[in-house]
């Protein structure tokens, strides 16, 4: 099973708390949610993604993102710099 990093959990809970607090302090829920705009943004993004990529590639990307986000593993800055340098040499 996946281990969730404490910072990830705190970030998710904190984000929801901030949004809920803003809704209660600022008025009604309807002022914060515009369904047609959400449909355009989410639906348009999904449609553009489906036009460009195969469904199997999209599913693999979501699976990988889920595993990475919840794995709790962190890379050291030195390792990241080394990886980026190696990728730059491959591209060159």
PDB file of N, CA and C in Angstrom:
ATOM      1  N   UNK A   1       0.845  -1.190   0.000  1.00  0.00           N
ATOM      2  CA  UNK A   1       0.000   0.000   0.000  1.00  0.00           C
ATOM      3  C   UNK A   1       0.880   1.239   0.000  1.00  0.00           C
ATOM      4  N   UNK A   2       0.269   2.360  -0.269  1.00  0.00           N
ATOM      5  CA  UNK A   2       1.024   3.608  -0.374  1.00  0.00           C
ATOM      6  C   UNK A   2       1.136   4.277   0.985  1.00  0.00           C
ATOM      7  N   UNK A   3       2.282   4.918   1.204  1.00  0.00           N
ATOM      8  CA  UNK A   3       2.472   5.738   2.392  1.00  0.00           C
ATOM      9  C   UNK A   3       2.329   7.187   1.978  1.00  0.00           C
ATOM     10  N   UNK A   4       1.510   7.930   2.671  1.00  0.00           N
ATOM     11  CA  UNK A   4       1.340   9.335   2.362  1.00  0.00           C
ATOM     12  C   UNK A   4       2.258  10.152   3.253  1.00  0.00           C
ATOM     13  N   UNK A   5       2.962  11.081   2.648  1.00  0.00           N
ATOM     14  CA  UNK A   5       3.822  11.987   3.380  1.00  0.00           C
ATOM     15  C   UNK A   5       2.956  12.883   4.253  1.00  0.00           C
ATOM     16  N   UNK A   6       3.419  13.193   5.448  1.00  0.00           N
ATOM     17  CA  UNK A   6       2.672  14.036   6.376  1.00  0.00           C
ATOM     18  C   UNK A   6       2.428  15.419   5.770  1.00  0.00           C
ATOM     19  N   UNK A   7       3.412  15.954   5.073  1.00  0.00           N
ATOM     20  CA  UNK A   7       3.256  17.277   4.458  1.00  0.00           C
ATOM     21  C   UNK A   7       2.155  17.262   3.399  1.00  0.00           C
ATOM     22  N   UNK A   8       2.035  16.172   2.645  1.00  0.00           N
ATOM     23  CA  UNK A   8       0.970  16.061   1.644  1.00  0.00           C
ATOM     24  C   UNK A   8      -0.383  16.070   2.325  1.00  0.00           C
ATOM     25  N   UNK A   9      -0.530  15.299   3.367  1.00  0.00           N
ATOM     26  CA  UNK A   9      -1.787  15.241   4.105  1.00  0.00           C
ATOM     27  C   UNK A   9      -2.130  16.603   4.702  1.00  0.00           C
ATOM     28  N   UNK A  10      -1.157  17.257   5.326  1.00  0.00           N
ATOM     29  CA  UNK A  10      -1.401  18.582   5.899  1.00  0.00           C
ATOM     30  C   UNK A  10      -1.759  19.599   4.816  1.00  0.00           C
ATOM     31  N   UNK A  11      -1.121  19.509   3.661  1.00  0.00           N
ATOM     32  CA  UNK A  11      -1.435  20.419   2.564  1.00  0.00           C
ATOM     33  C   UNK A  11      -2.851  20.249   2.058  1.00  0.00           C
ATOM     34  N   UNK A  12      -3.285  19.004   1.904  1.00  0.00           N
ATOM     35  CA  UNK A  12      -4.647  18.739   1.428  1.00  0.00           C
ATOM     36  C   UNK A  12      -5.671  19.224   2.448  1.00  0.00           C
ATOM     37  N   UNK A  13      -5.479  18.886   3.706  1.00  0.00           N
ATOM     38  CA  UNK A  13      -6.413  19.303   4.756  1.00  0.00           C
ATOM     39  C   UNK A  13      -6.416  20.827   4.881  1.00  0.00           C
ATOM     40  N   UNK A  14      -5.238  21.433   4.822  1.00  0.00           N
ATOM     41  CA  UNK A  14      -5.136  22.889   4.918  1.00  0.00           C
ATOM     42  C   UNK A  14      -5.831  23.595   3.768  1.00  0.00           C
ATOM     43  N   UNK A  15      -5.681  23.073   2.560  1.00  0.00           N
ATOM     44  CA  UNK A  15      -6.322  23.684   1.396  1.00  0.00           C
ATOM     45  C   UNK A  15      -7.842  23.644   1.538  1.00  0.00           C
ATOM     46  N   UNK A  16      -8.376  22.494   1.943  1.00  0.00           N
ATOM     47  CA  UNK A  16      -9.822  22.402   2.136  1.00  0.00           C
ATOM     48  C   UNK A  16     -10.286  23.340   3.249  1.00  0.00           C
ATOM     49  N   UNK A  17      -9.513  23.439   4.320  1.00  0.00           N
ATOM     50  CA  UNK A  17      -9.887  24.316   5.434  1.00  0.00           C
ATOM     51  C   UNK A  17      -9.916  25.778   4.992  1.00  0.00           C
ATOM     52  N   UNK A  18      -8.957  26.185   4.192  1.00  0.00           N
ATOM     53  CA  UNK A  18      -8.912  27.568   3.718  1.00  0.00           C
ATOM     54  C   UNK A  18     -10.104  27.878   2.825  1.00  0.00           C
ATOM     55  N   UNK A  19     -10.424  26.968   1.907  1.00  0.00           N
ATOM     56  CA  UNK A  19     -11.556  27.188   1.004  1.00  0.00           C
ATOM     57  C   UNK A  19     -12.865  27.223   1.780  1.00  0.00           C
ATOM     58  N   UNK A  20     -13.061  26.305   2.695  1.00  0.00           N
ATOM     59  CA  UNK A  20     -14.293  26.271   3.487  1.00  0.00           C
ATOM     60  C   UNK A  20     -14.408  27.527   4.344  1.00  0.00           C
ATOM     61  N   UNK A  21     -13.307  27.960   4.950  1.00  0.00           N
ATOM     62  CA  UNK A  21     -13.320  29.186   5.743  1.00  0.00           C
ATOM     63  C   UNK A  21     -13.664  30.388   4.876  1.00  0.00           C
ATOM     64  N   UNK A  22     -13.090  30.466   3.679  1.00  0.00           N
ATOM     65  CA  UNK A  22     -13.398  31.574   2.775  1.00  0.00           C
ATOM     66  C   UNK A  22     -14.864  31.578   2.387  1.00  0.00           C
ATOM     67  N   UNK A  23     -15.437  30.416   2.184  1.00  0.00           N
ATOM     68  CA  UNK A  23     -16.861  30.337   1.833  1.00  0.00           C
ATOM     69  C   UNK A  23     -17.720  30.838   2.988  1.00  0.00           C
ATOM     70  N   UNK A  24     -17.399  30.407   4.195  1.00  0.00           N
ATOM     71  CA  UNK A  24     -18.209  30.839   5.336  1.00  0.00           C
ATOM     72  C   UNK A  24     -18.045  32.318   5.639  1.00  0.00           C
ATOM     73  N   UNK A  25     -16.852  32.853   5.440  1.00  0.00           N
ATOM     74  CA  UNK A  25     -16.622  34.269   5.720  1.00  0.00           C
ATOM     75  C   UNK A  25     -17.124  35.170   4.598  1.00  0.00           C
ATOM     76  N   UNK A  26     -17.130  34.657   3.377  1.00  0.00           N
ATOM     77  CA  UNK A  26     -17.408  35.515   2.233  1.00  0.00           C
ATOM     78  C   UNK A  26     -18.821  35.458   1.709  1.00  0.00           C
ATOM     79  N   UNK A  27     -19.661  34.608   2.170  1.00  0.00           N
ATOM     80  CA  UNK A  27     -21.017  34.571   1.654  1.00  0.00           C
ATOM     81  C   UNK A  27     -21.467  33.162   1.361  1.00  0.00           C
ATOM     82  N   UNK A  28     -22.216  33.039   0.285  1.00  0.00           N
ATOM     83  CA  UNK A  28     -22.814  31.750  -0.027  1.00  0.00           C
ATOM     84  C   UNK A  28     -21.885  30.891  -0.881  1.00  0.00           C
ATOM     85  N   UNK A  29     -22.200  29.603  -0.896  1.00  0.00           N
ATOM     86  CA  UNK A  29     -21.419  28.644  -1.681  1.00  0.00           C
ATOM     87  C   UNK A  29     -21.529  28.955  -3.174  1.00  0.00           C
ATOM     88  N   UNK A  30     -22.676  29.425  -3.603  1.00  0.00           N
ATOM     89  CA  UNK A  30     -22.896  29.744  -5.012  1.00  0.00           C
ATOM     90  C   UNK A  30     -21.983  30.831  -5.547  1.00  0.00           C
ATOM     91  N   UNK A  31     -21.495  31.707  -4.678  1.00  0.00           N
ATOM     92  CA  UNK A  31     -20.566  32.744  -5.107  1.00  0.00           C
ATOM     93  C   UNK A  31     -19.188  32.176  -5.445  1.00  0.00           C
ATOM     94  N   UNK A  32     -18.871  31.038  -4.914  1.00  0.00           N
ATOM     95  CA  UNK A  32     -17.556  30.450  -5.119  1.00  0.00           C
ATOM     96  C   UNK A  32     -17.535  29.393  -6.217  1.00  0.00           C
ATOM     97  N   UNK A  33     -18.699  28.936  -6.636  1.00  0.00           N
ATOM     98  CA  UNK A  33     -18.770  27.875  -7.636  1.00  0.00           C
ATOM     99  C   UNK A  33     -19.569  28.368  -8.834  1.00  0.00           C
ATOM    100  N   UNK A  34     -18.949  28.334 -10.000  1.00  0.00           N
ATOM    101  CA  UNK A  34     -19.624  28.687 -11.240  1.00  0.00           C
ATOM    102  C   UNK A  34     -19.561  27.452 -12.136  1.00  0.00           C
ATOM    103  N   UNK A  35     -20.660  26.713 -12.174  1.00  0.00           N
ATOM    104  CA  UNK A  35     -20.690  25.425 -12.857  1.00  0.00           C
ATOM    105  C   UNK A  35     -20.340  25.531 -14.346  1.00  0.00           C
ATOM    106  N   UNK A  36     -20.898  26.489 -15.106  1.00  0.00           N
ATOM    107  CA  UNK A  36     -20.518  26.568 -16.526  1.00  0.00           C
ATOM    108  C   UNK A  36     -19.015  26.786 -16.730  1.00  0.00           C
ATOM    109  N   UNK A  37     -18.412  27.608 -15.891  1.00  0.00           N
ATOM    110  CA  UNK A  37     -16.967  27.837 -16.011  1.00  0.00           C
ATOM    111  C   UNK A  37     -16.180  26.578 -15.693  1.00  0.00           C
ATOM    112  N   UNK A  38     -16.631  25.839 -14.665  1.00  0.00           N
ATOM    113  CA  UNK A  38     -15.949  24.595 -14.312  1.00  0.00           C
ATOM    114  C   UNK A  38     -16.059  23.581 -15.440  1.00  0.00           C
ATOM    115  N   UNK A  39     -17.232  23.506 -16.072  1.00  0.00           N
ATOM    116  CA  UNK A  39     -17.404  22.578 -17.184  1.00  0.00           C
ATOM    117  C   UNK A  39     -16.499  22.938 -18.357  1.00  0.00           C
ATOM    118  N   UNK A  40     -16.377  24.226 -18.644  1.00  0.00           N
ATOM    119  CA  UNK A  40     -15.515  24.655 -19.746  1.00  0.00           C
ATOM    120  C   UNK A  40     -14.055  24.318 -19.444  1.00  0.00           C
ATOM    121  N   UNK A  41     -13.596  24.624 -18.256  1.00  0.00           N
ATOM    122  CA  UNK A  41     -12.187  24.391 -17.910  1.00  0.00           C
ATOM    123  C   UNK A  41     -11.878  22.898 -17.829  1.00  0.00           C
ATOM    124  N   UNK A  42     -12.657  22.162 -17.040  1.00  0.00           N
ATOM    125  CA  UNK A  42     -12.382  20.734 -16.852  1.00  0.00           C
ATOM    126  C   UNK A  42     -12.694  19.953 -18.126  1.00  0.00           C
ATOM    127  N   UNK A  43     -13.862  20.215 -18.711  1.00  0.00           N
ATOM    128  CA  UNK A  43     -14.240  19.511 -19.935  1.00  0.00           C
ATOM    129  C   UNK A  43     -13.329  19.832 -21.104  1.00  0.00           C
ATOM    130  N   UNK A  44     -12.965  21.099 -21.233  1.00  0.00           N
ATOM    131  CA  UNK A  44     -12.050  21.490 -22.319  1.00  0.00           C
ATOM    132  C   UNK A  44     -10.667  20.892 -22.151  1.00  0.00           C
ATOM    133  N   UNK A  45     -10.182  20.896 -20.922  1.00  0.00           N
ATOM    134  CA  UNK A  45      -8.876  20.281 -20.662  1.00  0.00           C
ATOM    135  C   UNK A  45      -8.880  18.788 -20.925  1.00  0.00           C
ATOM    136  N   UNK A  46      -9.941  18.124 -20.491  1.00  0.00           N
ATOM    137  CA  UNK A  46     -10.068  16.686 -20.730  1.00  0.00           C
ATOM    138  C   UNK A  46     -10.192  16.386 -22.224  1.00  0.00           C
ATOM    139  N   UNK A  47     -10.998  17.178 -22.925  1.00  0.00           N
ATOM    140  CA  UNK A  47     -11.165  16.967 -24.370  1.00  0.00           C
ATOM    141  C   UNK A  47      -9.847  17.171 -25.120  1.00  0.00           C
ATOM    142  N   UNK A  48      -9.116  18.222 -24.769  1.00  0.00           N
ATOM    143  CA  UNK A  48      -7.830  18.475 -25.424  1.00  0.00           C
ATOM    144  C   UNK A  48      -6.841  17.351 -25.145  1.00  0.00           C
ATOM    145  N   UNK A  49      -6.861  16.831 -23.927  1.00  0.00           N
ATOM    146  CA  UNK A  49      -5.973  15.725 -23.575  1.00  0.00           C
ATOM    147  C   UNK A  49      -6.347  14.466 -24.355  1.00  0.00           C
ATOM    148  N   UNK A  50      -7.645  14.192 -24.459  1.00  0.00           N
ATOM    149  CA  UNK A  50      -8.090  13.015 -25.203  1.00  0.00           C
ATOM    150  C   UNK A  50      -7.787  13.130 -26.696  1.00  0.00           C
ATOM    151  N   UNK A  51      -7.825  14.346 -27.225  1.00  0.00           N
ATOM    152  CA  UNK A  51      -7.491  14.545 -28.633  1.00  0.00           C
ATOM    153  C   UNK A  51      -6.021  14.238 -28.876  1.00  0.00           C
ATOM    154  N   UNK A  52      -5.165  14.629 -27.943  1.00  0.00           N
ATOM    155  CA  UNK A  52      -3.718  14.522 -28.147  1.00  0.00           C
ATOM    156  C   UNK A  52      -3.158  13.142 -27.786  1.00  0.00           C
ATOM    157  N   UNK A  53      -3.687  12.486 -26.757  1.00  0.00           N
ATOM    158  CA  UNK A  53      -3.097  11.251 -26.253  1.00  0.00           C
ATOM    159  C   UNK A  53      -4.092  10.099 -26.295  1.00  0.00           C
ATOM    160  N   UNK A  54      -3.567   8.878 -26.300  1.00  0.00           N
ATOM    161  CA  UNK A  54      -4.417   7.695 -26.232  1.00  0.00           C
ATOM    162  C   UNK A  54      -4.901   7.501 -24.796  1.00  0.00           C
ATOM    163  N   UNK A  55      -6.046   6.860 -24.648  1.00  0.00           N
ATOM    164  CA  UNK A  55      -6.631   6.651 -23.322  1.00  0.00           C
ATOM    165  C   UNK A  55      -5.694   5.828 -22.441  1.00  0.00           C
ATOM    166  N   UNK A  56      -5.015   4.852 -23.010  1.00  0.00           N
ATOM    167  CA  UNK A  56      -4.098   4.024 -22.211  1.00  0.00           C
ATOM    168  C   UNK A  56      -2.944   4.861 -21.657  1.00  0.00           C
ATOM    169  N   UNK A  57      -2.458   5.821 -22.442  1.00  0.00           N
ATOM    170  CA  UNK A  57      -1.382   6.699 -21.966  1.00  0.00           C
ATOM    171  C   UNK A  57      -1.868   7.611 -20.839  1.00  0.00           C
ATOM    172  N   UNK A  58      -3.090   8.098 -20.965  1.00  0.00           N
ATOM    173  CA  UNK A  58      -3.657   8.967 -19.931  1.00  0.00           C
ATOM    174  C   UNK A  58      -3.849   8.187 -18.635  1.00  0.00           C
ATOM    175  N   UNK A  59      -4.361   6.966 -18.746  1.00  0.00           N
ATOM    176  CA  UNK A  59      -4.549   6.126 -17.557  1.00  0.00           C
ATOM    177  C   UNK A  59      -3.212   5.818 -16.892  1.00  0.00           C
ATOM    178  N   UNK A  60      -2.193   5.546 -17.691  1.00  0.00           N
ATOM    179  CA  UNK A  60      -0.862   5.271 -17.138  1.00  0.00           C
ATOM    180  C   UNK A  60      -0.304   6.508 -16.438  1.00  0.00           C
ATOM    181  N   UNK A  61      -0.547   7.680 -17.004  1.00  0.00           N
ATOM    182  CA  UNK A  61      -0.058   8.921 -16.389  1.00  0.00           C
ATOM    183  C   UNK A  61      -0.734   9.160 -15.041  1.00  0.00           C
ATOM    184  N   UNK A  62      -2.055   8.947 -14.971  1.00  0.00           N
ATOM    185  CA  UNK A  62      -2.760   9.129 -13.702  1.00  0.00           C
ATOM    186  C   UNK A  62      -2.310   8.101 -12.669  1.00  0.00           C
ATOM    187  N   UNK A  63      -2.090   6.872 -13.083  1.00  0.00           N
ATOM    188  CA  UNK A  63      -1.615   5.838 -12.171  1.00  0.00           C
ATOM    189  C   UNK A  63      -0.238   6.197 -11.619  1.00  0.00           C
ATOM    190  N   UNK A  64       0.647   6.637 -12.493  1.00  0.00           N
ATOM    191  CA  UNK A  64       1.990   7.022 -12.065  1.00  0.00           C
ATOM    192  C   UNK A  64       1.940   8.227 -11.138  1.00  0.00           C
ATOM    193  N   UNK A  65       1.141   9.232 -11.474  1.00  0.00           N
ATOM    194  CA  UNK A  65       1.028  10.422 -10.628  1.00  0.00           C
ATOM    195  C   UNK A  65       0.492  10.062  -9.250  1.00  0.00           C
ATOM    196  N   UNK A  66      -0.486   9.174  -9.198  1.00  0.00           N
ATOM    197  CA  UNK A  66      -1.048   8.742  -7.923  1.00  0.00           C
ATOM    198  C   UNK A  66       0.008   8.040  -7.077  1.00  0.00           C
ATOM    199  N   UNK A  67       0.767   7.160  -7.695  1.00  0.00           N
ATOM    200  CA  UNK A  67       1.813   6.432  -6.960  1.00  0.00           C
ATOM    201  C   UNK A  67       2.888   7.383  -6.443  1.00  0.00           C
ATOM    202  N   UNK A  68       3.306   8.328  -7.272  1.00  0.00           N
ATOM    203  CA  UNK A  68       4.357   9.269  -6.876  1.00  0.00           C
ATOM    204  C   UNK A  68       3.863  10.185  -5.758  1.00  0.00           C
ATOM    205  N   UNK A  69       2.631  10.677  -5.882  1.00  0.00           N
ATOM    206  CA  UNK A  69       2.098  11.615  -4.895  1.00  0.00           C
ATOM    207  C   UNK A  69       1.924  10.974  -3.528  1.00  0.00           C
ATOM    208  N   UNK A  70       1.604   9.699  -3.493  1.00  0.00           N
ATOM    209  CA  UNK A  70       1.310   9.046  -2.223  1.00  0.00           C
ATOM    210  C   UNK A  70       2.423   8.130  -1.727  1.00  0.00           C
ATOM    211  N   UNK A  71       3.541   8.088  -2.421  1.00  0.00           N
ATOM    212  CA  UNK A  71       4.590   7.145  -2.037  1.00  0.00           C
ATOM    213  C   UNK A  71       5.367   7.595  -0.809  1.00  0.00           C
ATOM    214  N   UNK A  72       5.441   8.892  -0.557  1.00  0.00           N
ATOM    215  CA  UNK A  72       6.195   9.382   0.585  1.00  0.00           C
ATOM    216  C   UNK A  72       7.696   9.454   0.344  1.00  0.00           C
ATOM    217  N   UNK A  73       8.137   9.082  -0.847  1.00  0.00           N
ATOM    218  CA  UNK A  73       9.557   9.138  -1.162  1.00  0.00           C
ATOM    219  C   UNK A  73       9.923  10.553  -1.592  1.00  0.00           C
ATOM    220  N   UNK A  74      11.106  10.975  -1.215  1.00  0.00           N
ATOM    221  CA  UNK A  74      11.570  12.284  -1.672  1.00  0.00           C
ATOM    222  C   UNK A  74      12.983  12.127  -2.227  1.00  0.00           C
ATOM    223  N   UNK A  75      13.256  12.884  -3.266  1.00  0.00           N
ATOM    224  CA  UNK A  75      14.577  12.834  -3.893  1.00  0.00           C
ATOM    225  C   UNK A  75      15.419  13.981  -3.357  1.00  0.00           C
ATOM    226  N   UNK A  76      16.702  13.733  -3.222  1.00  0.00           N
ATOM    227  CA  UNK A  76      17.582  14.784  -2.754  1.00  0.00           C
ATOM    228  C   UNK A  76      17.850  15.758  -3.904  1.00  0.00           C
ATOM    229  N   UNK A  77      18.096  17.010  -3.587  1.00  0.00           N
ATOM    230  CA  UNK A  77      18.389  17.984  -4.642  1.00  0.00           C
ATOM    231  C   UNK A  77      19.585  17.581  -5.506  1.00  0.00           C
ATOM    232  N   UNK A  78      20.588  16.963  -4.910  1.00  0.00           N
ATOM    233  CA  UNK A  78      21.766  16.532  -5.689  1.00  0.00           C
ATOM    234  C   UNK A  78      21.388  15.479  -6.733  1.00  0.00           C
ATOM    235  N   UNK A  79      20.540  14.539  -6.327  1.00  0.00           N
ATOM    236  CA  UNK A  79      20.088  13.513  -7.278  1.00  0.00           C
ATOM    237  C   UNK A  79      19.282  14.126  -8.415  1.00  0.00           C
ATOM    238  N   UNK A  80      18.413  15.088  -8.082  1.00  0.00           N
ATOM    239  CA  UNK A  80      17.625  15.749  -9.117  1.00  0.00           C
ATOM    240  C   UNK A  80      18.504  16.517 -10.091  1.00  0.00           C
ATOM    241  N   UNK A  81      19.497  17.219  -9.563  1.00  0.00           N
ATOM    242  CA  UNK A  81      20.420  17.966 -10.428  1.00  0.00           C
ATOM    243  C   UNK A  81      21.176  17.020 -11.340  1.00  0.00           C
ATOM    244  N   UNK A  82      21.599  15.903 -10.798  1.00  0.00           N
ATOM    245  CA  UNK A  82      22.314  14.903 -11.600  1.00  0.00           C
ATOM    246  C   UNK A  82      21.425  14.348 -12.709  1.00  0.00           C
ATOM    247  N   UNK A  83      20.178  14.045 -12.362  1.00  0.00           N
ATOM    248  CA  UNK A  83      19.246  13.531 -13.372  1.00  0.00           C
ATOM    249  C   UNK A  83      18.983  14.554 -14.468  1.00  0.00           C
ATOM    250  N   UNK A  84      18.774  15.810 -14.083  1.00  0.00           N
ATOM    251  CA  UNK A  84      18.522  16.863 -15.070  1.00  0.00           C
ATOM    252  C   UNK A  84      19.743  17.059 -15.967  1.00  0.00           C
ATOM    253  N   UNK A  85      20.936  17.003 -15.394  1.00  0.00           N
ATOM    254  CA  UNK A  85      22.165  17.142 -16.180  1.00  0.00           C
ATOM    255  C   UNK A  85      22.292  16.002 -17.179  1.00  0.00           C
ATOM    256  N   UNK A  86      22.019  14.783 -16.735  1.00  0.00           N
ATOM    257  CA  UNK A  86      22.091  13.632 -17.637  1.00  0.00           C
ATOM    258  C   UNK A  86      21.080  13.753 -18.776  1.00  0.00           C
ATOM    259  N   UNK A  87      19.873  14.175 -18.454  1.00  0.00           N
ATOM    260  CA  UNK A  87      18.854  14.351 -19.494  1.00  0.00           C
ATOM    261  C   UNK A  87      19.261  15.437 -20.481  1.00  0.00           C
ATOM    262  N   UNK A  88      19.878  16.502 -19.985  1.00  0.00           N
ATOM    263  CA  UNK A  88      20.355  17.573 -20.870  1.00  0.00           C
ATOM    264  C   UNK A  88      21.420  17.073 -21.819  1.00  0.00           C
ATOM    265  N   UNK A  89      22.321  16.214 -21.332  1.00  0.00           N
ATOM    266  CA  UNK A  89      23.364  15.651 -22.208  1.00  0.00           C
ATOM    267  C   UNK A  89      22.771  14.714 -23.253  1.00  0.00           C
ATOM    268  N   UNK A  90      21.745  13.959 -22.860  1.00  0.00           N
ATOM    269  CA  UNK A  90      21.086  13.075 -23.832  1.00  0.00           C
ATOM    270  C   UNK A  90      20.434  13.902 -24.930  1.00  0.00           C
ATOM    271  N   UNK A  91      19.762  14.977 -24.550  1.00  0.00           N
ATOM    272  CA  UNK A  91      19.079  15.817 -25.534  1.00  0.00           C
ATOM    273  C   UNK A  91      20.085  16.483 -26.467  1.00  0.00           C
ATOM    274  N   UNK A  92      21.195  16.924 -25.907  1.00  0.00           N
ATOM    275  CA  UNK A  92      22.205  17.593 -26.711  1.00  0.00           C
ATOM    276  C   UNK A  92      22.813  16.629 -27.691  1.00  0.00           C
TER     277      UNK A  92
END
